[in-house]
Amino acid sequence: MTNQVIIYINDEGGVSILNPAPNCSLSIDELGKKDVPKGKKYKILNKSDVPTDWSFRDAWTVDESDLTDGVGE
């Protein structure tokens, strides 16, 4: 099981978080290329870097210039 997640900016301008399934056989980068929508930049983060308080999750933001780990294919 990985302790990493993938974030990207969704079509509504919010932040989407991909959390790999425990039995996923793909690497985190392979998963990003496969599951992040085509052309969307993404960033791989440690789960501990993601806020745990979901009360204001619709207010979470990320600067697109920080999404430097790959692009959805």
Protein backbone atom coordinates (compact mmCIF):
# COMPACT_ATOMS: atom_id res chain seq x y z
CA MET A 1 0.00 0.00 0.00
CA THR A 2 1.33 3.41 -0.92
CA ASN A 3 1.37 6.39 1.38
CA GLN A 4 1.04 8.74 -1.60
CA VAL A 5 -1.87 10.42 -3.38
CA ILE A 6 -2.21 12.38 -6.61
CA ILE A 7 -3.79 15.82 -6.82
CA TYR A 8 -4.91 17.77 -9.88
CA ILE A 9 -7.23 20.65 -10.74
CA ASN A 10 -10.58 19.34 -11.95
CA ASP A 11 -12.82 20.91 -14.60
CA GLU A 12 -14.74 22.87 -11.95
CA GLY A 13 -11.52 24.47 -10.69
CA GLY A 14 -11.41 22.43 -7.48
CA VAL A 15 -8.73 20.05 -6.29
CA SER A 16 -9.27 16.35 -6.96
CA ILE A 17 -7.40 13.70 -4.98
CA LEU A 18 -6.68 10.22 -6.32
CA ASN A 19 -6.07 7.71 -3.58
CA PRO A 20 -4.72 4.38 -4.93
CA ALA A 21 -6.52 1.19 -3.99
CA PRO A 22 -4.53 -0.94 -1.50
CA ASN A 23 -4.06 -3.76 -4.02
CA CYS A 24 -3.19 -1.55 -7.02
CA SER A 25 -0.32 -3.07 -8.98
CA LEU A 26 0.56 0.20 -10.78
CA SER A 27 3.20 2.63 -9.56
CA ILE A 28 1.91 5.99 -8.39
CA ASP A 29 3.24 7.61 -11.58
CA GLU A 30 1.61 4.97 -13.81
CA LEU A 31 -1.64 5.55 -11.97
CA GLY A 32 -1.39 9.31 -12.51
CA LYS A 33 -0.81 8.95 -16.23
CA LYS A 34 -3.69 6.47 -16.49
CA ASP A 35 -6.34 8.00 -14.20
CA VAL A 36 -5.76 11.76 -14.27
CA PRO A 37 -7.82 13.19 -17.14
CA LYS A 38 -5.94 13.68 -20.39
CA GLY A 39 -3.89 16.87 -20.45
CA LYS A 40 -4.30 17.64 -16.74
CA LYS A 41 -1.11 18.27 -14.78
CA TYR A 42 -0.73 16.48 -11.47
CA LYS A 43 1.39 16.36 -8.33
CA ILE A 44 2.23 13.34 -6.17
CA LEU A 45 2.04 14.05 -2.44
CA ASN A 46 2.43 12.10 0.76
CA LYS A 47 -0.95 11.43 2.34
CA SER A 48 0.27 13.32 5.41
CA ASP A 49 0.49 16.51 3.29
CA VAL A 50 -3.23 16.44 2.48
CA PRO A 51 -5.50 18.30 4.92
CA THR A 52 -7.47 15.94 7.13
CA ASP A 53 -10.26 18.42 7.94
CA TRP A 54 -12.78 17.99 5.14
CA SER A 55 -15.07 20.77 6.44
CA PHE A 56 -13.75 23.24 3.87
CA ARG A 57 -12.62 20.84 1.15
CA ASP A 58 -14.37 22.91 -1.54
CA ALA A 59 -12.07 25.80 -0.59
CA TRP A 60 -8.84 23.85 -1.12
CA THR A 61 -6.67 25.36 -3.84
CA VAL A 62 -3.45 24.50 -5.60
CA ASP A 63 -1.34 26.62 -7.91
CA GLU A 64 -1.08 24.96 -11.32
CA SER A 65 2.64 25.79 -11.40
CA ASP A 66 3.07 23.35 -8.48
CA LEU A 67 1.66 20.43 -10.50
CA THR A 68 4.99 19.25 -11.83
CA ASP A 69 5.02 15.45 -11.56
CA GLY A 70 3.23 14.51 -14.76
CA VAL A 71 0.31 14.93 -17.13
CA GLY A 72 -2.68 12.62 -17.60
CA GLU A 73 -2.57 10.63 -20.80
